């Protein structure tokens, strides 16, 4: 899953990016409104937005994106802690509001909650047949036995389980890998799909020619 983090405090930006990557999220960053506008929002699952940016107000940027049809869940980070500020932020299109300073554990919990809402899940655990994936502790089990997956294998499986039974576009899966390698080769995704099939069983992941991949329930 991929997050866009917009924050102008370099120290906080770097720390949050590292923390999110450790939680198995891809995370692109921007430190201004002009830089944030360079990104294609459809590539992301969540937006974390600071309000006090050097070239404008984050709320104005959020309003513009909402008017343009952006439906991403948005978590606001800000030092503005009055009731009026929180109400204004939520009314401007934010889904959640976190006041600085905050505990990293709370940020991570709010991110998980927004991700669950986005994918219409009620728990941090995903279940598909004999497969179970814990999005909180980044663990995967098959028939009760824990599997050892690499970060990329985990990222691919998590995306497929979030859309179990539906085709996930190849480009969407590739987006989930970008933070963990300098270059994505033409067959990088296929290599990790092959590794997953060896660990899960060859019938779990079906190739949809010309489109992407699908997790199949008939594998059970």
N, C-alpha and C. Protein backbone atom coordinates (compact mmCIF):
# COMPACT_ATOMS: atom_id res chain seq x y z
N UNK A 1 0.85 -1.19 0.00
CA UNK A 1 0.00 0.00 0.00
C UNK A 1 0.88 1.24 0.00
N UNK A 2 0.41 2.31 -0.61
CA UNK A 2 1.27 3.46 -0.86
C UNK A 2 0.66 4.73 -0.25
N UNK A 3 1.53 5.52 0.39
CA UNK A 3 1.12 6.73 1.10
C UNK A 3 1.87 7.93 0.54
N UNK A 4 1.18 9.05 0.39
CA UNK A 4 1.81 10.32 0.07
C UNK A 4 1.84 11.16 1.33
N UNK A 5 3.03 11.55 1.76
CA UNK A 5 3.23 12.33 2.99
C UNK A 5 3.67 13.74 2.60
N UNK A 6 2.89 14.73 3.00
CA UNK A 6 3.20 16.13 2.70
C UNK A 6 3.48 16.85 4.01
N UNK A 7 4.74 17.21 4.23
CA UNK A 7 5.18 17.80 5.51
C UNK A 7 6.43 18.63 5.25
N UNK A 8 6.49 19.86 5.79
CA UNK A 8 7.62 20.73 5.50
C UNK A 8 8.76 20.65 6.52
N UNK A 9 8.52 20.05 7.67
CA UNK A 9 9.57 19.89 8.67
C UNK A 9 10.44 18.70 8.24
N UNK A 10 11.67 18.99 7.82
CA UNK A 10 12.53 17.95 7.24
C UNK A 10 12.79 16.81 8.21
N UNK A 11 13.03 17.14 9.48
CA UNK A 11 13.32 16.10 10.47
C UNK A 11 12.11 15.19 10.67
N UNK A 12 10.94 15.80 10.82
CA UNK A 12 9.71 15.02 11.01
C UNK A 12 9.39 14.23 9.75
N UNK A 13 9.57 14.84 8.59
CA UNK A 13 9.29 14.17 7.32
C UNK A 13 10.14 12.92 7.18
N UNK A 14 11.43 13.03 7.47
CA UNK A 14 12.33 11.90 7.35
C UNK A 14 11.97 10.80 8.35
N UNK A 15 11.66 11.20 9.59
CA UNK A 15 11.31 10.23 10.61
C UNK A 15 10.02 9.49 10.30
N UNK A 16 9.01 10.22 9.84
CA UNK A 16 7.73 9.59 9.51
C UNK A 16 7.86 8.66 8.31
N UNK A 17 8.62 9.08 7.32
CA UNK A 17 8.81 8.22 6.16
C UNK A 17 9.46 6.90 6.55
N UNK A 18 10.50 6.97 7.37
CA UNK A 18 11.17 5.74 7.82
C UNK A 18 10.21 4.86 8.62
N UNK A 19 9.42 5.49 9.49
CA UNK A 19 8.49 4.73 10.33
C UNK A 19 7.43 4.04 9.47
N UNK A 20 6.93 4.71 8.45
CA UNK A 20 5.90 4.13 7.59
C UNK A 20 6.46 3.00 6.73
N UNK A 21 7.68 3.17 6.26
CA UNK A 21 8.32 2.10 5.48
C UNK A 21 8.54 0.88 6.36
N UNK A 22 8.91 1.10 7.63
CA UNK A 22 9.07 -0.02 8.55
C UNK A 22 7.76 -0.75 8.79
N UNK A 23 6.64 -0.04 8.60
CA UNK A 23 5.32 -0.65 8.72
C UNK A 23 4.85 -1.26 7.40
N UNK A 24 5.78 -1.41 6.47
CA UNK A 24 5.54 -2.06 5.18
C UNK A 24 4.67 -1.24 4.24
N UNK A 25 4.72 0.08 4.36
CA UNK A 25 4.06 0.95 3.40
C UNK A 25 5.11 1.55 2.48
N UNK A 26 4.77 1.74 1.21
CA UNK A 26 5.57 2.61 0.35
C UNK A 26 5.19 4.05 0.70
N UNK A 27 6.15 4.94 0.69
CA UNK A 27 5.86 6.30 1.13
C UNK A 27 6.64 7.31 0.30
N UNK A 28 5.93 8.08 -0.52
CA UNK A 28 6.53 9.21 -1.22
C UNK A 28 6.31 10.47 -0.38
N UNK A 29 7.21 11.44 -0.54
CA UNK A 29 7.14 12.63 0.31
C UNK A 29 7.19 13.90 -0.53
N UNK A 30 6.60 14.96 0.04
CA UNK A 30 6.66 16.29 -0.53
C UNK A 30 6.74 17.28 0.62
N UNK A 31 7.47 18.38 0.44
CA UNK A 31 7.61 19.36 1.52
C UNK A 31 6.95 20.69 1.21
N UNK A 32 6.13 20.73 0.16
CA UNK A 32 5.43 21.96 -0.21
C UNK A 32 4.22 21.62 -1.06
N UNK A 33 3.35 22.59 -1.24
CA UNK A 33 2.18 22.39 -2.09
C UNK A 33 2.60 22.16 -3.53
N UNK A 34 3.55 22.95 -4.01
CA UNK A 34 3.99 22.81 -5.41
C UNK A 34 4.58 21.43 -5.67
N UNK A 35 5.33 20.91 -4.72
CA UNK A 35 5.90 19.57 -4.90
C UNK A 35 4.81 18.50 -4.81
N UNK A 36 3.86 18.66 -3.91
CA UNK A 36 2.78 17.69 -3.76
C UNK A 36 1.95 17.58 -5.04
N UNK A 37 1.78 18.70 -5.72
CA UNK A 37 0.96 18.71 -6.93
C UNK A 37 1.59 17.94 -8.08
N UNK A 38 2.85 17.59 -7.96
CA UNK A 38 3.52 16.84 -9.02
C UNK A 38 3.14 15.37 -9.01
N UNK A 39 2.57 14.93 -7.91
CA UNK A 39 2.22 13.51 -7.80
C UNK A 39 0.84 13.22 -8.35
N UNK A 40 0.66 12.02 -8.85
CA UNK A 40 -0.64 11.56 -9.33
C UNK A 40 -1.34 10.85 -8.18
N UNK A 41 -2.42 11.42 -7.67
CA UNK A 41 -3.05 10.91 -6.46
C UNK A 41 -3.62 9.51 -6.63
N UNK A 42 -3.96 9.14 -7.85
CA UNK A 42 -4.51 7.80 -8.08
C UNK A 42 -3.50 6.70 -7.78
N UNK A 43 -2.24 7.07 -7.63
CA UNK A 43 -1.20 6.08 -7.33
C UNK A 43 -1.15 5.72 -5.85
N UNK A 44 -1.96 6.40 -5.02
CA UNK A 44 -1.83 6.26 -3.56
C UNK A 44 -3.10 5.70 -2.92
N UNK A 45 -2.91 5.20 -1.70
CA UNK A 45 -4.02 4.68 -0.91
C UNK A 45 -4.40 5.61 0.24
N UNK A 46 -3.49 6.53 0.59
CA UNK A 46 -3.71 7.41 1.73
C UNK A 46 -2.86 8.66 1.57
N UNK A 47 -3.39 9.79 2.03
CA UNK A 47 -2.66 11.06 2.03
C UNK A 47 -2.53 11.54 3.46
N UNK A 48 -1.29 11.83 3.88
CA UNK A 48 -1.02 12.46 5.18
C UNK A 48 -0.57 13.87 4.90
N UNK A 49 -1.29 14.85 5.41
CA UNK A 49 -1.12 16.24 4.98
C UNK A 49 -0.92 17.19 6.15
N UNK A 50 0.21 17.91 6.13
CA UNK A 50 0.45 18.99 7.08
C UNK A 50 -0.29 20.23 6.57
N UNK A 51 -0.72 21.08 7.48
CA UNK A 51 -1.46 22.28 7.06
C UNK A 51 -0.56 23.49 6.85
N UNK A 52 0.48 23.63 7.68
CA UNK A 52 1.34 24.80 7.59
C UNK A 52 2.50 24.57 6.64
N UNK A 53 2.26 24.74 5.35
CA UNK A 53 3.28 24.52 4.33
C UNK A 53 3.88 25.85 3.88
N UNK A 54 5.13 25.85 3.40
CA UNK A 54 5.82 27.12 3.12
C UNK A 54 5.21 27.94 1.98
N UNK A 55 4.48 27.31 1.07
CA UNK A 55 3.92 28.04 -0.06
C UNK A 55 2.40 28.06 -0.04
N UNK A 56 1.80 27.87 1.12
CA UNK A 56 0.34 27.96 1.19
C UNK A 56 -0.23 27.10 2.30
N UNK A 57 -1.55 27.13 2.40
CA UNK A 57 -2.27 26.40 3.43
C UNK A 57 -2.67 25.02 2.91
N UNK A 58 -2.35 23.98 3.67
CA UNK A 58 -2.71 22.63 3.27
C UNK A 58 -4.20 22.44 3.07
N UNK A 59 -5.02 23.18 3.82
CA UNK A 59 -6.47 23.05 3.66
C UNK A 59 -6.92 23.48 2.26
N UNK A 60 -6.30 24.52 1.74
CA UNK A 60 -6.64 24.98 0.38
C UNK A 60 -6.29 23.91 -0.64
N UNK A 61 -5.15 23.26 -0.44
CA UNK A 61 -4.76 22.17 -1.33
C UNK A 61 -5.75 21.02 -1.24
N UNK A 62 -6.16 20.69 -0.01
CA UNK A 62 -7.11 19.60 0.18
C UNK A 62 -8.44 19.92 -0.50
N UNK A 63 -8.93 21.14 -0.31
CA UNK A 63 -10.19 21.53 -0.95
C UNK A 63 -10.11 21.39 -2.46
N UNK A 64 -8.98 21.82 -3.03
CA UNK A 64 -8.80 21.72 -4.48
C UNK A 64 -8.83 20.28 -4.94
N UNK A 65 -8.12 19.42 -4.22
CA UNK A 65 -8.09 18.01 -4.59
C UNK A 65 -9.47 17.37 -4.47
N UNK A 66 -10.22 17.72 -3.43
CA UNK A 66 -11.57 17.17 -3.28
C UNK A 66 -12.47 17.65 -4.42
N UNK A 67 -12.32 18.90 -4.81
CA UNK A 67 -13.13 19.44 -5.90
C UNK A 67 -12.79 18.76 -7.23
N UNK A 68 -11.56 18.27 -7.32
CA UNK A 68 -11.13 17.57 -8.53
C UNK A 68 -11.51 16.09 -8.52
N UNK A 69 -12.17 15.66 -7.45
CA UNK A 69 -12.66 14.29 -7.39
C UNK A 69 -11.80 13.32 -6.62
N UNK A 70 -10.81 13.83 -5.89
CA UNK A 70 -9.95 12.95 -5.10
C UNK A 70 -10.76 12.31 -3.97
N UNK A 71 -10.71 10.99 -3.87
CA UNK A 71 -11.47 10.27 -2.84
C UNK A 71 -10.55 9.59 -1.82
N UNK A 72 -9.26 9.86 -1.89
CA UNK A 72 -8.33 9.25 -0.94
C UNK A 72 -8.68 9.62 0.49
N UNK A 73 -8.53 8.70 1.44
CA UNK A 73 -8.63 9.09 2.84
C UNK A 73 -7.47 10.04 3.18
N UNK A 74 -7.76 11.05 3.99
CA UNK A 74 -6.76 12.08 4.30
C UNK A 74 -6.64 12.23 5.81
N UNK A 75 -5.41 12.12 6.29
CA UNK A 75 -5.09 12.35 7.70
C UNK A 75 -4.32 13.66 7.80
N UNK A 76 -4.89 14.63 8.50
CA UNK A 76 -4.24 15.93 8.68
C UNK A 76 -3.30 15.88 9.89
N UNK A 77 -2.10 16.43 9.70
CA UNK A 77 -1.16 16.64 10.79
C UNK A 77 -1.00 18.15 10.97
N UNK A 78 -1.16 18.64 12.19
CA UNK A 78 -1.07 20.09 12.38
C UNK A 78 -0.84 20.44 13.84
N UNK A 79 -0.28 21.64 14.05
CA UNK A 79 -0.11 22.16 15.40
C UNK A 79 -1.35 22.95 15.83
N UNK A 80 -2.29 23.14 14.92
CA UNK A 80 -3.51 23.89 15.24
C UNK A 80 -4.45 22.97 16.02
N UNK A 81 -4.64 23.29 17.28
CA UNK A 81 -5.35 22.35 18.14
C UNK A 81 -6.68 22.84 18.68
N UNK A 82 -7.18 23.96 18.17
CA UNK A 82 -8.46 24.45 18.67
C UNK A 82 -9.60 23.64 18.07
N UNK A 83 -10.76 23.67 18.74
CA UNK A 83 -11.94 22.97 18.23
C UNK A 83 -12.32 23.48 16.85
N UNK A 84 -12.28 24.80 16.68
CA UNK A 84 -12.64 25.38 15.38
C UNK A 84 -11.72 24.89 14.27
N UNK A 85 -10.43 24.77 14.57
CA UNK A 85 -9.48 24.29 13.57
C UNK A 85 -9.78 22.85 13.18
N UNK A 86 -10.10 22.01 14.18
CA UNK A 86 -10.39 20.61 13.89
C UNK A 86 -11.66 20.48 13.06
N UNK A 87 -12.68 21.25 13.42
CA UNK A 87 -13.94 21.22 12.67
C UNK A 87 -13.72 21.69 11.24
N UNK A 88 -12.94 22.75 11.09
CA UNK A 88 -12.67 23.30 9.76
C UNK A 88 -11.93 22.27 8.91
N UNK A 89 -10.97 21.57 9.51
CA UNK A 89 -10.22 20.57 8.77
C UNK A 89 -11.10 19.43 8.30
N UNK A 90 -11.94 18.94 9.19
CA UNK A 90 -12.83 17.83 8.83
C UNK A 90 -13.86 18.27 7.79
N UNK A 91 -14.37 19.48 7.94
CA UNK A 91 -15.34 20.00 6.97
C UNK A 91 -14.72 20.28 5.61
N UNK A 92 -13.41 20.44 5.58
CA UNK A 92 -12.72 20.72 4.32
C UNK A 92 -12.38 19.45 3.55
N UNK A 93 -12.70 18.29 4.14
CA UNK A 93 -12.50 17.04 3.42
C UNK A 93 -11.58 16.05 4.07
N UNK A 94 -11.05 16.37 5.26
CA UNK A 94 -10.18 15.42 5.95
C UNK A 94 -11.01 14.30 6.57
N UNK A 95 -10.39 13.14 6.70
CA UNK A 95 -11.05 11.99 7.33
C UNK A 95 -10.64 11.84 8.79
N UNK A 96 -9.48 12.37 9.12
CA UNK A 96 -9.00 12.30 10.50
C UNK A 96 -8.04 13.45 10.73
N UNK A 97 -7.77 13.73 12.00
CA UNK A 97 -7.05 14.94 12.39
C UNK A 97 -6.16 14.60 13.58
N UNK A 98 -4.85 14.81 13.43
CA UNK A 98 -3.89 14.48 14.49
C UNK A 98 -3.07 15.72 14.82
N UNK A 99 -3.10 16.11 16.10
CA UNK A 99 -2.43 17.34 16.54
C UNK A 99 -1.00 17.05 16.97
N UNK A 100 -0.07 17.87 16.50
CA UNK A 100 1.33 17.78 16.91
C UNK A 100 1.49 18.40 18.30
N UNK A 101 2.39 17.87 19.12
CA UNK A 101 3.15 16.63 18.91
C UNK A 101 2.27 15.41 19.16
N UNK A 102 2.61 14.31 18.52
CA UNK A 102 1.81 13.09 18.66
C UNK A 102 2.74 11.90 18.83
N UNK A 103 2.19 10.84 19.37
CA UNK A 103 2.95 9.60 19.53
C UNK A 103 2.94 8.84 18.21
N UNK A 104 4.08 8.29 17.84
CA UNK A 104 4.18 7.54 16.59
C UNK A 104 3.19 6.39 16.56
N UNK A 105 3.01 5.72 17.70
CA UNK A 105 2.08 4.59 17.75
C UNK A 105 0.66 5.03 17.41
N UNK A 106 0.27 6.24 17.83
CA UNK A 106 -1.07 6.73 17.50
C UNK A 106 -1.20 7.01 16.01
N UNK A 107 -0.18 7.61 15.42
CA UNK A 107 -0.20 7.84 13.98
C UNK A 107 -0.36 6.52 13.24
N UNK A 108 0.42 5.53 13.62
CA UNK A 108 0.35 4.24 12.94
C UNK A 108 -1.03 3.60 13.09
N UNK A 109 -1.63 3.74 14.27
CA UNK A 109 -2.97 3.19 14.49
C UNK A 109 -4.00 3.90 13.63
N UNK A 110 -3.87 5.22 13.51
CA UNK A 110 -4.83 5.98 12.70
C UNK A 110 -4.66 5.64 11.21
N UNK A 111 -3.43 5.42 10.78
CA UNK A 111 -3.19 5.01 9.41
C UNK A 111 -3.86 3.66 9.15
N UNK A 112 -3.69 2.72 10.06
CA UNK A 112 -4.32 1.40 9.89
C UNK A 112 -5.84 1.53 9.84
N UNK A 113 -6.39 2.39 10.70
CA UNK A 113 -7.85 2.57 10.72
C UNK A 113 -8.35 3.13 9.39
N UNK A 114 -7.64 4.11 8.84
CA UNK A 114 -8.05 4.70 7.57
C UNK A 114 -7.88 3.71 6.42
N UNK A 115 -6.85 2.88 6.49
CA UNK A 115 -6.68 1.86 5.47
C UNK A 115 -7.81 0.83 5.54
N UNK A 116 -8.20 0.44 6.76
CA UNK A 116 -9.32 -0.49 6.89
C UNK A 116 -10.58 0.11 6.28
N UNK A 117 -10.82 1.37 6.56
CA UNK A 117 -12.01 2.03 6.03
C UNK A 117 -11.96 2.08 4.51
N UNK A 118 -10.80 2.37 3.97
CA UNK A 118 -10.67 2.47 2.51
C UNK A 118 -11.00 1.16 1.83
N UNK A 119 -10.56 0.05 2.43
CA UNK A 119 -10.77 -1.25 1.82
C UNK A 119 -11.95 -2.01 2.43
N UNK A 120 -12.76 -1.29 3.22
CA UNK A 120 -13.98 -1.83 3.79
C UNK A 120 -13.70 -3.08 4.63
N UNK A 121 -12.67 -2.97 5.47
CA UNK A 121 -12.31 -4.04 6.38
C UNK A 121 -12.59 -3.57 7.81
N UNK A 122 -12.91 -4.51 8.68
CA UNK A 122 -13.20 -4.16 10.07
C UNK A 122 -12.07 -4.56 11.01
N UNK A 123 -11.12 -5.37 10.52
CA UNK A 123 -10.02 -5.82 11.36
C UNK A 123 -8.70 -5.63 10.64
N UNK A 124 -7.60 -5.69 11.41
CA UNK A 124 -6.27 -5.60 10.82
C UNK A 124 -5.82 -6.92 10.21
N UNK A 125 -6.57 -7.99 10.44
CA UNK A 125 -6.23 -9.30 9.89
C UNK A 125 -7.08 -9.58 8.65
N UNK A 126 -6.43 -10.06 7.61
CA UNK A 126 -7.12 -10.46 6.38
C UNK A 126 -7.15 -11.98 6.31
N UNK A 127 -8.29 -12.53 5.97
CA UNK A 127 -8.44 -13.98 5.89
C UNK A 127 -8.92 -14.35 4.50
N UNK A 128 -8.26 -15.32 3.88
CA UNK A 128 -8.67 -15.82 2.57
C UNK A 128 -8.40 -17.31 2.53
N UNK A 129 -9.43 -18.10 2.70
CA UNK A 129 -9.23 -19.54 2.77
C UNK A 129 -8.32 -19.88 3.94
N UNK A 130 -7.26 -20.63 3.66
CA UNK A 130 -6.33 -21.02 4.71
C UNK A 130 -5.24 -19.98 4.95
N UNK A 131 -5.31 -18.87 4.22
CA UNK A 131 -4.33 -17.80 4.37
C UNK A 131 -4.83 -16.75 5.36
N UNK A 132 -3.96 -16.30 6.23
CA UNK A 132 -4.27 -15.21 7.15
C UNK A 132 -3.09 -14.24 7.16
N UNK A 133 -3.39 -12.95 7.03
CA UNK A 133 -2.36 -11.92 7.01
C UNK A 133 -2.67 -10.88 8.06
N UNK A 134 -1.73 -10.62 8.94
CA UNK A 134 -1.87 -9.63 10.02
C UNK A 134 -1.19 -8.34 9.57
N UNK A 135 -1.99 -7.30 9.26
CA UNK A 135 -1.43 -6.05 8.76
C UNK A 135 -0.77 -5.23 9.86
N UNK A 136 -1.02 -5.56 11.11
CA UNK A 136 -0.41 -4.86 12.23
C UNK A 136 1.00 -5.36 12.49
N UNK A 137 1.16 -6.68 12.55
CA UNK A 137 2.46 -7.27 12.87
C UNK A 137 3.20 -7.82 11.65
N UNK A 138 2.58 -7.69 10.47
CA UNK A 138 3.21 -8.06 9.20
C UNK A 138 3.59 -9.55 9.18
N UNK A 139 2.64 -10.36 9.60
CA UNK A 139 2.84 -11.80 9.62
C UNK A 139 1.81 -12.48 8.73
N UNK A 140 2.20 -13.62 8.18
CA UNK A 140 1.32 -14.39 7.30
C UNK A 140 1.35 -15.84 7.72
N UNK A 141 0.16 -16.46 7.77
CA UNK A 141 0.04 -17.87 8.10
C UNK A 141 -0.72 -18.60 6.99
N UNK A 142 -0.37 -19.85 6.80
CA UNK A 142 -1.12 -20.73 5.90
C UNK A 142 -1.38 -22.03 6.64
N UNK A 143 -2.65 -22.36 6.79
CA UNK A 143 -3.04 -23.55 7.57
C UNK A 143 -2.42 -23.53 8.97
N UNK A 144 -2.34 -22.33 9.55
CA UNK A 144 -1.82 -22.19 10.90
C UNK A 144 -0.31 -22.13 11.01
N UNK A 145 0.39 -22.30 9.89
CA UNK A 145 1.86 -22.28 9.89
C UNK A 145 2.34 -20.92 9.38
N UNK A 146 3.22 -20.28 10.15
CA UNK A 146 3.70 -18.96 9.74
C UNK A 146 4.64 -19.09 8.56
N UNK A 147 4.45 -18.21 7.57
CA UNK A 147 5.29 -18.16 6.39
C UNK A 147 6.33 -17.06 6.53
N UNK A 148 7.49 -17.28 5.98
CA UNK A 148 8.54 -16.26 5.95
C UNK A 148 8.55 -15.61 4.58
N UNK A 149 8.14 -14.34 4.54
CA UNK A 149 8.06 -13.61 3.28
C UNK A 149 9.01 -12.42 3.32
N UNK A 150 9.53 -12.05 2.17
CA UNK A 150 10.30 -10.82 2.06
C UNK A 150 9.33 -9.63 2.06
N UNK A 151 9.86 -8.44 2.18
CA UNK A 151 9.01 -7.24 2.15
C UNK A 151 8.20 -7.16 0.87
N UNK A 152 8.84 -7.44 -0.24
CA UNK A 152 8.13 -7.33 -1.52
C UNK A 152 7.07 -8.41 -1.66
N UNK A 153 7.39 -9.62 -1.23
CA UNK A 153 6.40 -10.69 -1.27
C UNK A 153 5.21 -10.35 -0.39
N UNK A 154 5.48 -9.81 0.79
CA UNK A 154 4.40 -9.41 1.70
C UNK A 154 3.55 -8.31 1.07
N UNK A 155 4.19 -7.31 0.47
CA UNK A 155 3.45 -6.19 -0.14
C UNK A 155 2.52 -6.68 -1.24
N UNK A 156 3.01 -7.60 -2.07
CA UNK A 156 2.19 -8.13 -3.16
C UNK A 156 1.03 -8.94 -2.61
N UNK A 157 1.30 -9.81 -1.64
CA UNK A 157 0.24 -10.65 -1.08
C UNK A 157 -0.80 -9.81 -0.37
N UNK A 158 -0.37 -8.80 0.38
CA UNK A 158 -1.33 -7.93 1.07
C UNK A 158 -2.27 -7.27 0.07
N UNK A 159 -1.72 -6.76 -1.02
CA UNK A 159 -2.57 -6.12 -2.03
C UNK A 159 -3.54 -7.12 -2.64
N UNK A 160 -3.07 -8.31 -2.95
CA UNK A 160 -3.95 -9.32 -3.53
C UNK A 160 -5.04 -9.74 -2.55
N UNK A 161 -4.71 -9.85 -1.27
CA UNK A 161 -5.70 -10.26 -0.28
C UNK A 161 -6.71 -9.15 -0.01
N UNK A 162 -6.30 -7.90 -0.13
CA UNK A 162 -7.24 -6.79 0.03
C UNK A 162 -8.29 -6.80 -1.09
N UNK A 163 -7.92 -7.38 -2.24
CA UNK A 163 -8.83 -7.44 -3.39
C UNK A 163 -9.09 -8.90 -3.77
N UNK A 164 -9.14 -9.77 -2.78
CA UNK A 164 -9.26 -11.21 -3.03
C UNK A 164 -10.42 -11.52 -3.97
N UNK A 165 -10.14 -12.34 -4.97
CA UNK A 165 -11.16 -12.72 -5.94
C UNK A 165 -11.31 -11.73 -7.08
N UNK A 166 -10.59 -10.60 -7.02
CA UNK A 166 -10.65 -9.59 -8.07
C UNK A 166 -9.26 -9.42 -8.69
N UNK A 167 -9.24 -9.02 -9.94
CA UNK A 167 -7.97 -8.80 -10.63
C UNK A 167 -7.33 -7.50 -10.16
N UNK A 168 -6.06 -7.59 -9.79
CA UNK A 168 -5.29 -6.40 -9.42
C UNK A 168 -4.37 -6.08 -10.59
N UNK A 169 -4.46 -4.86 -11.08
CA UNK A 169 -3.67 -4.47 -12.24
C UNK A 169 -2.17 -4.57 -11.95
N UNK A 170 -1.43 -4.97 -12.96
CA UNK A 170 0.02 -5.12 -12.83
C UNK A 170 0.67 -3.81 -12.36
N UNK A 171 0.21 -2.69 -12.91
CA UNK A 171 0.79 -1.40 -12.56
C UNK A 171 0.56 -1.07 -11.09
N UNK A 172 -0.60 -1.47 -10.55
CA UNK A 172 -0.90 -1.21 -9.14
C UNK A 172 0.06 -2.00 -8.25
N UNK A 173 0.33 -3.23 -8.60
CA UNK A 173 1.25 -4.05 -7.82
C UNK A 173 2.67 -3.50 -7.90
N UNK A 174 3.06 -3.03 -9.07
CA UNK A 174 4.39 -2.45 -9.21
C UNK A 174 4.55 -1.21 -8.34
N UNK A 175 3.49 -0.41 -8.25
CA UNK A 175 3.54 0.79 -7.41
C UNK A 175 3.87 0.44 -5.96
N UNK A 176 3.39 -0.70 -5.51
CA UNK A 176 3.63 -1.11 -4.12
C UNK A 176 5.07 -1.52 -3.86
N UNK A 177 5.86 -1.66 -4.91
CA UNK A 177 7.23 -2.12 -4.75
C UNK A 177 8.27 -1.01 -4.85
N UNK A 178 7.88 0.16 -5.32
CA UNK A 178 8.85 1.16 -5.71
C UNK A 178 9.79 1.64 -4.60
N UNK A 179 9.35 1.70 -3.36
CA UNK A 179 10.20 2.23 -2.30
C UNK A 179 11.33 1.29 -1.89
N UNK A 180 11.28 0.04 -2.27
CA UNK A 180 12.21 -0.94 -1.74
C UNK A 180 13.28 -1.39 -2.72
N UNK A 181 13.38 -0.73 -3.84
CA UNK A 181 14.44 -1.03 -4.79
C UNK A 181 14.70 0.20 -5.63
N UNK A 182 15.93 0.38 -6.06
CA UNK A 182 16.26 1.57 -6.84
C UNK A 182 15.68 1.50 -8.24
N UNK A 183 15.62 0.32 -8.78
CA UNK A 183 15.10 0.16 -10.13
C UNK A 183 14.14 -1.03 -10.17
N UNK A 184 13.03 -0.84 -10.85
CA UNK A 184 12.08 -1.93 -11.06
C UNK A 184 12.27 -2.43 -12.48
N UNK A 185 12.82 -3.61 -12.63
CA UNK A 185 13.03 -4.16 -13.95
C UNK A 185 11.72 -4.63 -14.57
N UNK A 186 11.78 -4.95 -15.85
CA UNK A 186 10.57 -5.34 -16.57
C UNK A 186 9.95 -6.62 -16.02
N UNK A 187 10.77 -7.48 -15.39
CA UNK A 187 10.24 -8.74 -14.88
C UNK A 187 10.31 -8.85 -13.36
N UNK A 188 10.55 -7.72 -12.67
CA UNK A 188 10.67 -7.76 -11.21
C UNK A 188 9.42 -8.33 -10.56
N UNK A 189 8.26 -7.84 -10.96
CA UNK A 189 7.00 -8.30 -10.37
C UNK A 189 6.83 -9.80 -10.60
N UNK A 190 7.11 -10.26 -11.81
CA UNK A 190 6.94 -11.67 -12.12
C UNK A 190 7.86 -12.55 -11.26
N UNK A 191 9.06 -12.05 -10.97
CA UNK A 191 9.99 -12.80 -10.14
C UNK A 191 9.40 -13.01 -8.74
N UNK A 192 8.83 -11.96 -8.16
CA UNK A 192 8.28 -12.08 -6.81
C UNK A 192 6.97 -12.87 -6.80
N UNK A 193 6.19 -12.77 -7.86
CA UNK A 193 5.00 -13.63 -7.98
C UNK A 193 5.43 -15.09 -8.01
N UNK A 194 6.50 -15.38 -8.73
CA UNK A 194 7.02 -16.75 -8.79
C UNK A 194 7.44 -17.23 -7.41
N UNK A 195 8.13 -16.36 -6.65
CA UNK A 195 8.56 -16.73 -5.30
C UNK A 195 7.35 -16.99 -4.40
N UNK A 196 6.31 -16.16 -4.53
CA UNK A 196 5.11 -16.35 -3.72
C UNK A 196 4.43 -17.67 -4.06
N UNK A 197 4.37 -18.00 -5.33
CA UNK A 197 3.73 -19.25 -5.73
C UNK A 197 4.47 -20.45 -5.16
N UNK A 198 5.78 -20.36 -5.08
CA UNK A 198 6.55 -21.45 -4.50
C UNK A 198 6.23 -21.63 -3.02
N UNK A 199 5.94 -20.52 -2.33
CA UNK A 199 5.68 -20.59 -0.90
C UNK A 199 4.23 -20.92 -0.58
N UNK A 200 3.31 -20.42 -1.41
CA UNK A 200 1.88 -20.60 -1.15
C UNK A 200 1.31 -21.84 -1.82
N UNK A 201 1.87 -22.20 -2.95
CA UNK A 201 1.29 -23.22 -3.81
C UNK A 201 1.02 -22.59 -5.17
N UNK A 202 1.21 -23.34 -6.20
CA UNK A 202 1.19 -22.78 -7.56
C UNK A 202 -0.17 -22.29 -8.01
N UNK A 203 -1.26 -22.74 -7.37
CA UNK A 203 -2.60 -22.40 -7.85
C UNK A 203 -3.23 -21.17 -7.18
N UNK A 204 -2.57 -20.61 -6.20
CA UNK A 204 -3.18 -19.50 -5.47
C UNK A 204 -3.31 -18.24 -6.31
N UNK A 205 -2.26 -17.91 -7.05
CA UNK A 205 -2.23 -16.63 -7.77
C UNK A 205 -2.37 -16.91 -9.26
N UNK A 206 -3.44 -16.41 -9.82
CA UNK A 206 -3.72 -16.63 -11.24
C UNK A 206 -3.29 -15.42 -12.06
N UNK A 207 -2.61 -15.67 -13.15
CA UNK A 207 -2.23 -14.61 -14.08
C UNK A 207 -3.40 -14.30 -14.99
N UNK A 208 -3.79 -13.04 -15.04
CA UNK A 208 -4.83 -12.57 -15.96
C UNK A 208 -4.10 -11.88 -17.10
N UNK A 209 -3.97 -12.55 -18.20
CA UNK A 209 -3.13 -12.07 -19.29
C UNK A 209 -3.54 -10.67 -19.76
N UNK A 210 -2.55 -9.80 -19.84
CA UNK A 210 -2.79 -8.43 -20.31
C UNK A 210 -3.33 -7.50 -19.24
N UNK A 211 -3.59 -8.03 -18.03
CA UNK A 211 -4.15 -7.19 -16.97
C UNK A 211 -3.32 -7.23 -15.69
N UNK A 212 -3.24 -8.39 -15.05
CA UNK A 212 -2.53 -8.45 -13.78
C UNK A 212 -2.65 -9.82 -13.15
N UNK A 213 -3.00 -9.84 -11.84
CA UNK A 213 -3.05 -11.09 -11.10
C UNK A 213 -4.27 -11.12 -10.18
N UNK A 214 -4.71 -12.33 -9.85
CA UNK A 214 -5.88 -12.48 -8.98
C UNK A 214 -5.65 -13.64 -8.03
N UNK A 215 -6.02 -13.42 -6.76
CA UNK A 215 -5.98 -14.48 -5.76
C UNK A 215 -7.23 -15.32 -5.92
N UNK A 216 -7.06 -16.61 -6.10
CA UNK A 216 -8.17 -17.49 -6.44
C UNK A 216 -8.61 -18.32 -5.25
N UNK A 217 -9.91 -18.30 -4.96
CA UNK A 217 -10.46 -19.11 -3.87
C UNK A 217 -10.45 -20.58 -4.21
N UNK A 218 -10.47 -20.93 -5.48
CA UNK A 218 -10.50 -22.35 -5.89
C UNK A 218 -9.21 -23.05 -5.52
N UNK A 219 -8.19 -22.27 -5.12
CA UNK A 219 -6.93 -22.89 -4.73
C UNK A 219 -7.10 -23.77 -3.51
N UNK A 220 -8.15 -23.49 -2.71
CA UNK A 220 -8.38 -24.30 -1.52
C UNK A 220 -8.80 -25.72 -1.86
